[in-house]
Amino acid sequence: KMNIKIPPGTSSHYKIRVPGKGVNARGLAGDHIFIVKIVTPKKVPENVKKILMDLQNTLDLKSSVESSVKQSQSAKIRDAIFNDWSEIFGMTDAPRFIKFITLACCLYLIFIIISIII
């Protein structure tokens, strides 16, 4: 059994790494990676809607909700690509520009390989 703290504002597909709690290989425990999945209900009872609206008004969450809704589809795709590539290369804590440079180099190498093959 393990307790994990999920940071406030965590969105779906966020990865939480717990060092030393993964599968044992050659006597050493690897890292256990949890992927957060946020599921929103399709039907919400009216009394729950009222409670959520009161909470939203109390905490002034309207601006953060609006900004997350306005996030463009291309930004969501870009973030997903950066997160996946960062995980592949083990750079989850690297600055965003390093992630971008690594992704650009990988795409460039793929382009060169395809050009040679064709």
C-alpha atoms as a PDB file:
ATOM      1  CA  LYS A   1       0.000   0.000   0.000  1.00  0.00           C
ATOM      2  CA  MET A   2       1.303   3.443  -0.927  1.00  0.00           C
ATOM      3  CA  ASN A   3       0.107   7.018  -0.429  1.00  0.00           C
ATOM      4  CA  ILE A   4       0.756   9.454  -3.257  1.00  0.00           C
ATOM      5  CA  LYS A   5       0.222  13.206  -3.130  1.00  0.00           C
ATOM      6  CA  ILE A   6      -1.325  14.557  -6.308  1.00  0.00           C
ATOM      7  CA  PRO A   7      -0.421  18.242  -6.755  1.00  0.00           C
ATOM      8  CA  PRO A   8      -3.275  20.757  -7.005  1.00  0.00           C
ATOM      9  CA  GLY A   9      -4.200  21.595 -10.597  1.00  0.00           C
ATOM     10  CA  THR A  10      -3.060  18.217 -11.910  1.00  0.00           C
ATOM     11  CA  SER A  11      -4.615  17.375 -15.263  1.00  0.00           C
ATOM     12  CA  SER A  12      -5.286  14.067 -16.942  1.00  0.00           C
ATOM     13  CA  HIS A  13      -2.279  12.133 -18.343  1.00  0.00           C
ATOM     14  CA  TYR A  14       0.068  13.684 -15.751  1.00  0.00           C
ATOM     15  CA  LYS A  15       2.781  11.182 -14.805  1.00  0.00           C
ATOM     16  CA  ILE A  16       3.910  10.688 -11.225  1.00  0.00           C
ATOM     17  CA  ARG A  17       7.189   8.833 -10.721  1.00  0.00           C
ATOM     18  CA  VAL A  18       7.843   6.995  -7.443  1.00  0.00           C
ATOM     19  CA  PRO A  19      11.526   5.989  -7.361  1.00  0.00           C
ATOM     20  CA  GLY A  20      12.415   2.535  -6.067  1.00  0.00           C
ATOM     21  CA  LYS A  21       8.838   1.231  -5.913  1.00  0.00           C
ATOM     22  CA  GLY A  22       8.655  -0.455  -9.321  1.00  0.00           C
ATOM     23  CA  VAL A  23       9.443  -3.946 -10.575  1.00  0.00           C
ATOM     24  CA  ASN A  24      12.557  -5.630  -9.187  1.00  0.00           C
ATOM     25  CA  ALA A  25      15.199  -6.339 -11.807  1.00  0.00           C
ATOM     26  CA  ARG A  26      18.523  -7.878 -10.837  1.00  0.00           C
ATOM     27  CA  GLY A  27      17.916  -7.090  -7.196  1.00  0.00           C
ATOM     28  CA  LEU A  28      17.122  -3.413  -7.766  1.00  0.00           C
ATOM     29  CA  ALA A  29      13.648  -1.916  -7.710  1.00  0.00           C
ATOM     30  CA  GLY A  30      12.810   0.317 -10.641  1.00  0.00           C
ATOM     31  CA  ASP A  31      10.605   3.387 -10.627  1.00  0.00           C
ATOM     32  CA  HIS A  32       6.837   3.029 -10.494  1.00  0.00           C
ATOM     33  CA  ILE A  33       5.053   5.459 -12.807  1.00  0.00           C
ATOM     34  CA  PHE A  34       1.441   6.402 -12.183  1.00  0.00           C
ATOM     35  CA  ILE A  35      -0.577   8.113 -14.911  1.00  0.00           C
ATOM     36  CA  VAL A  36      -3.399  10.304 -13.616  1.00  0.00           C
ATOM     37  CA  LYS A  37      -6.686   9.832 -15.432  1.00  0.00           C
ATOM     38  CA  ILE A  38      -9.429  12.317 -14.675  1.00  0.00           C
ATOM     39  CA  VAL A  39     -12.887  11.129 -15.618  1.00  0.00           C
ATOM     40  CA  THR A  40     -15.773  13.566 -15.737  1.00  0.00           C
ATOM     41  CA  PRO A  41     -19.258  12.146 -15.266  1.00  0.00           C
ATOM     42  CA  LYS A  42     -21.697  12.397 -18.164  1.00  0.00           C
ATOM     43  CA  LYS A  43     -24.717  12.966 -15.920  1.00  0.00           C
ATOM     44  CA  VAL A  44     -24.493  15.054 -12.775  1.00  0.00           C
ATOM     45  CA  PRO A  45     -27.457  15.307 -10.392  1.00  0.00           C
ATOM     46  CA  GLU A  46     -28.873  18.809  -9.908  1.00  0.00           C
ATOM     47  CA  ASN A  47     -27.933  18.963  -6.212  1.00  0.00           C
ATOM     48  CA  VAL A  48     -24.301  18.137  -7.084  1.00  0.00           C
ATOM     49  CA  LYS A  49     -24.312  20.793  -9.844  1.00  0.00           C
ATOM     50  CA  LYS A  50     -25.477  23.382  -7.312  1.00  0.00           C
ATOM     51  CA  ILE A  51     -22.735  22.400  -4.850  1.00  0.00           C
ATOM     52  CA  LEU A  52     -20.092  22.596  -7.604  1.00  0.00           C
ATOM     53  CA  MET A  53     -21.349  25.986  -8.781  1.00  0.00           C
ATOM     54  CA  ASP A  54     -21.245  27.302  -5.198  1.00  0.00           C
ATOM     55  CA  LEU A  55     -17.704  25.969  -4.831  1.00  0.00           C
ATOM     56  CA  GLN A  56     -16.694  27.583  -8.134  1.00  0.00           C
ATOM     57  CA  ASN A  57     -18.089  30.939  -7.016  1.00  0.00           C
ATOM     58  CA  THR A  58     -16.479  30.650  -3.586  1.00  0.00           C
ATOM     59  CA  LEU A  59     -13.032  29.810  -4.953  1.00  0.00           C
ATOM     60  CA  ASP A  60     -13.342  32.095  -8.004  1.00  0.00           C
ATOM     61  CA  LEU A  61     -12.473  29.234 -10.360  1.00  0.00           C
ATOM     62  CA  LYS A  62     -14.229  30.737 -13.353  1.00  0.00           C
ATOM     63  CA  SER A  63     -11.114  32.320 -14.876  1.00  0.00           C
ATOM     64  CA  SER A  64      -9.047  29.122 -14.630  1.00  0.00           C
ATOM     65  CA  VAL A  65     -11.876  27.041 -16.103  1.00  0.00           C
ATOM     66  CA  GLU A  66     -12.314  29.482 -18.984  1.00  0.00           C
ATOM     67  CA  SER A  67      -8.597  29.536 -19.752  1.00  0.00           C
ATOM     68  CA  SER A  68      -8.390  25.744 -19.801  1.00  0.00           C
ATOM     69  CA  VAL A  69     -11.400  25.538 -22.112  1.00  0.00           C
ATOM     70  CA  LYS A  70      -9.827  28.100 -24.448  1.00  0.00           C
ATOM     71  CA  GLN A  71      -6.634  26.081 -24.811  1.00  0.00           C
ATOM     72  CA  SER A  72      -6.412  25.220 -28.476  1.00  0.00           C
ATOM     73  CA  GLN A  73      -6.417  21.685 -29.810  1.00  0.00           C
ATOM     74  CA  SER A  74      -2.952  22.184 -31.287  1.00  0.00           C
ATOM     75  CA  ALA A  75      -1.621  23.190 -27.871  1.00  0.00           C
ATOM     76  CA  LYS A  76      -3.069  20.006 -26.367  1.00  0.00           C
ATOM     77  CA  ILE A  77      -1.445  17.909 -29.105  1.00  0.00           C
ATOM     78  CA  ARG A  78       1.875  19.731 -28.662  1.00  0.00           C
ATOM     79  CA  ASP A  79       1.835  19.152 -24.909  1.00  0.00           C
ATOM     80  CA  ALA A  80       1.036  15.460 -25.384  1.00  0.00           C
ATOM     81  CA  ILE A  81       3.935  15.063 -27.839  1.00  0.00           C
ATOM     82  CA  PHE A  82       6.374  16.893 -25.543  1.00  0.00           C
ATOM     83  CA  ASN A  83       5.319  14.811 -22.545  1.00  0.00           C
ATOM     84  CA  ASP A  84       5.624  11.507 -24.447  1.00  0.00           C
ATOM     85  CA  TRP A  85       9.048  12.341 -25.921  1.00  0.00           C
ATOM     86  CA  SER A  86      10.250  13.628 -22.555  1.00  0.00           C
ATOM     87  CA  GLU A  87       9.242  10.352 -20.930  1.00  0.00           C
ATOM     88  CA  ILE A  88      10.972   8.299 -23.651  1.00  0.00           C
ATOM     89  CA  PHE A  89      14.255  10.163 -23.138  1.00  0.00           C
ATOM     90  CA  GLY A  90      13.868  10.404 -19.351  1.00  0.00           C
ATOM     91  CA  MET A  91      13.739  14.201 -19.409  1.00  0.00           C
ATOM     92  CA  THR A  92      10.576  14.785 -17.407  1.00  0.00           C
ATOM     93  CA  ASP A  93      12.242  17.520 -15.332  1.00  0.00           C
ATOM     94  CA  ALA A  94      14.109  19.191 -18.214  1.00  0.00           C
ATOM     95  CA  PRO A  95      13.249  22.761 -19.248  1.00  0.00           C
ATOM     96  CA  ARG A  96      10.738  23.076 -22.081  1.00  0.00           C
ATOM     97  CA  PHE A  97      13.276  24.423 -24.620  1.00  0.00           C
ATOM     98  CA  ILE A  98      15.535  21.378 -24.062  1.00  0.00           C
ATOM     99  CA  LYS A  99      12.543  19.120 -24.711  1.00  0.00           C
ATOM    100  CA  PHE A 100      11.806  21.098 -27.885  1.00  0.00           C
ATOM    101  CA  ILE A 101      15.398  20.874 -29.146  1.00  0.00           C
ATOM    102  CA  THR A 102      15.488  17.116 -28.489  1.00  0.00           C
ATOM    103  CA  LEU A 103      12.190  16.607 -30.307  1.00  0.00           C
ATOM    104  CA  ALA A 104      13.353  18.761 -33.238  1.00  0.00           C
ATOM    105  CA  CYS A 105      16.617  16.787 -33.528  1.00  0.00           C
ATOM    106  CA  CYS A 106      14.751  13.475 -33.469  1.00  0.00           C
ATOM    107  CA  LEU A 107      12.325  14.622 -36.153  1.00  0.00           C
ATOM    108  CA  TYR A 108      15.239  15.893 -38.262  1.00  0.00           C
ATOM    109  CA  LEU A 109      17.013  12.526 -37.977  1.00  0.00           C
ATOM    110  CA  ILE A 110      13.821  10.713 -38.944  1.00  0.00           C
ATOM    111  CA  PHE A 111      13.512  13.009 -41.972  1.00  0.00           C
ATOM    112  CA  ILE A 112      17.124  12.269 -43.013  1.00  0.00           C
ATOM    113  CA  ILE A 113      16.628   8.504 -42.646  1.00  0.00           C
ATOM    114  CA  ILE A 114      13.454   8.609 -44.734  1.00  0.00           C
ATOM    115  CA  SER A 115      15.255  10.716 -47.385  1.00  0.00           C
ATOM    116  CA  ILE A 116      18.070   8.157 -47.589  1.00  0.00           C
ATOM    117  CA  ILE A 117      15.659   5.231 -47.859  1.00  0.00           C
ATOM    118  CA  ILE A 118      13.626   6.870 -50.615  1.00  0.00           C
END
